[in-house]
Amino acid sequence: MAHLEAVQQRIRALKEAQGAVEFVVVRMEQATLDKTFRGEL
């Protein structure tokens, strides 16, 4: 039972990390597009 709880906790942590990474990727994409349209790239 302890193993199952540990696995579930790890899954929750991975989902939280995934959400943070997705946020960063979206922000980077937006910044890249902004710079592209302003002619900075």
N, C-alpha and C. Protein backbone atom coordinates (compact mmCIF):
# COMPACT_ATOMS: atom_id res chain seq x y z
N MET A 1 0.82 -1.19 0.00
CA MET A 1 0.00 0.00 0.00
C MET A 1 0.87 1.26 0.00
N ALA A 2 1.95 1.25 0.72
CA ALA A 2 2.83 2.41 0.77
C ALA A 2 3.43 2.68 -0.61
N HIS A 3 3.72 1.61 -1.35
CA HIS A 3 4.28 1.78 -2.70
C HIS A 3 3.28 2.49 -3.59
N LEU A 4 2.02 2.11 -3.51
CA LEU A 4 0.98 2.74 -4.33
C LEU A 4 0.86 4.22 -4.00
N GLU A 5 0.88 4.56 -2.73
CA GLU A 5 0.79 5.96 -2.32
C GLU A 5 2.00 6.75 -2.83
N ALA A 6 3.18 6.15 -2.78
CA ALA A 6 4.38 6.82 -3.28
C ALA A 6 4.28 7.07 -4.78
N VAL A 7 3.77 6.10 -5.50
CA VAL A 7 3.60 6.25 -6.95
C VAL A 7 2.58 7.34 -7.25
N GLN A 8 1.49 7.36 -6.52
CA GLN A 8 0.48 8.39 -6.74
C GLN A 8 1.03 9.78 -6.43
N GLN A 9 1.83 9.89 -5.38
CA GLN A 9 2.45 11.17 -5.05
C GLN A 9 3.39 11.61 -6.16
N ARG A 10 4.16 10.67 -6.70
CA ARG A 10 5.08 10.99 -7.79
C ARG A 10 4.31 11.45 -9.03
N ILE A 11 3.20 10.82 -9.30
CA ILE A 11 2.36 11.20 -10.45
C ILE A 11 1.84 12.63 -10.27
N ARG A 12 1.39 12.95 -9.05
CA ARG A 12 0.90 14.32 -8.79
C ARG A 12 2.02 15.33 -9.00
N ALA A 13 3.21 15.01 -8.51
CA ALA A 13 4.34 15.92 -8.67
C ALA A 13 4.69 16.11 -10.14
N LEU A 14 4.65 15.03 -10.91
CA LEU A 14 4.96 15.12 -12.34
C LEU A 14 3.92 15.96 -13.07
N LYS A 15 2.65 15.81 -12.70
CA LYS A 15 1.60 16.61 -13.33
C LYS A 15 1.78 18.10 -13.03
N GLU A 16 2.17 18.42 -11.79
CA GLU A 16 2.42 19.82 -11.44
C GLU A 16 3.60 20.37 -12.24
N ALA A 17 4.65 19.58 -12.36
CA ALA A 17 5.82 20.01 -13.13
C ALA A 17 5.46 20.20 -14.59
N GLN A 18 4.64 19.32 -15.12
CA GLN A 18 4.22 19.42 -16.51
C GLN A 18 3.46 20.73 -16.73
N GLY A 19 2.59 21.09 -15.80
CA GLY A 19 1.85 22.34 -15.92
C GLY A 19 2.77 23.54 -15.94
N ALA A 20 3.79 23.51 -15.11
CA ALA A 20 4.75 24.62 -15.07
C ALA A 20 5.53 24.71 -16.38
N VAL A 21 5.93 23.57 -16.92
CA VAL A 21 6.68 23.56 -18.17
C VAL A 21 5.81 24.06 -19.32
N GLU A 22 4.56 23.64 -19.35
CA GLU A 22 3.66 24.11 -20.40
C GLU A 22 3.51 25.62 -20.35
N PHE A 23 3.41 26.18 -19.16
CA PHE A 23 3.28 27.63 -19.00
C PHE A 23 4.51 28.33 -19.58
N VAL A 24 5.68 27.83 -19.25
CA VAL A 24 6.93 28.44 -19.73
C VAL A 24 7.02 28.34 -21.25
N VAL A 25 6.66 27.21 -21.80
CA VAL A 25 6.73 27.03 -23.25
C VAL A 25 5.78 27.99 -23.97
N VAL A 26 4.60 28.15 -23.45
CA VAL A 26 3.64 29.08 -24.06
C VAL A 26 4.18 30.50 -24.00
N ARG A 27 4.75 30.89 -22.86
CA ARG A 27 5.31 32.24 -22.74
C ARG A 27 6.48 32.45 -23.70
N MET A 28 7.33 31.44 -23.84
CA MET A 28 8.46 31.56 -24.76
C MET A 28 7.97 31.67 -26.20
N GLU A 29 6.95 30.91 -26.53
CA GLU A 29 6.40 30.96 -27.88
C GLU A 29 5.84 32.35 -28.16
N GLN A 30 5.11 32.91 -27.21
CA GLN A 30 4.55 34.24 -27.38
C GLN A 30 5.66 35.29 -27.55
N ALA A 31 6.69 35.18 -26.73
CA ALA A 31 7.79 36.14 -26.81
C ALA A 31 8.51 36.04 -28.15
N THR A 32 8.68 34.82 -28.64
CA THR A 32 9.35 34.61 -29.92
C THR A 32 8.52 35.20 -31.06
N LEU A 33 7.23 34.97 -31.02
CA LEU A 33 6.36 35.53 -32.06
C LEU A 33 6.35 37.06 -32.00
N ASP A 34 6.29 37.61 -30.79
CA ASP A 34 6.33 39.07 -30.65
C ASP A 34 7.60 39.65 -31.26
N LYS A 35 8.73 39.06 -30.93
CA LYS A 35 10.00 39.55 -31.48
C LYS A 35 10.06 39.38 -33.00
N THR A 36 9.52 38.29 -33.49
CA THR A 36 9.52 38.05 -34.93
C THR A 36 8.73 39.14 -35.65
N PHE A 37 7.54 39.45 -35.15
CA PHE A 37 6.70 40.45 -35.81
C PHE A 37 7.25 41.86 -35.65
N ARG A 38 8.06 42.09 -34.65
CA ARG A 38 8.69 43.40 -34.48
C ARG A 38 10.00 43.48 -35.27
N GLY A 39 10.41 42.38 -35.89
CA GLY A 39 11.62 42.37 -36.69
C GLY A 39 12.89 42.26 -35.87
N GLU A 40 12.79 41.76 -34.66
CA GLU A 40 13.96 41.65 -33.79
C GLU A 40 14.69 40.32 -33.94
N LEU A 41 14.12 39.40 -34.68
CA LEU A 41 14.79 38.11 -34.88
C LEU A 41 15.28 37.97 -36.29
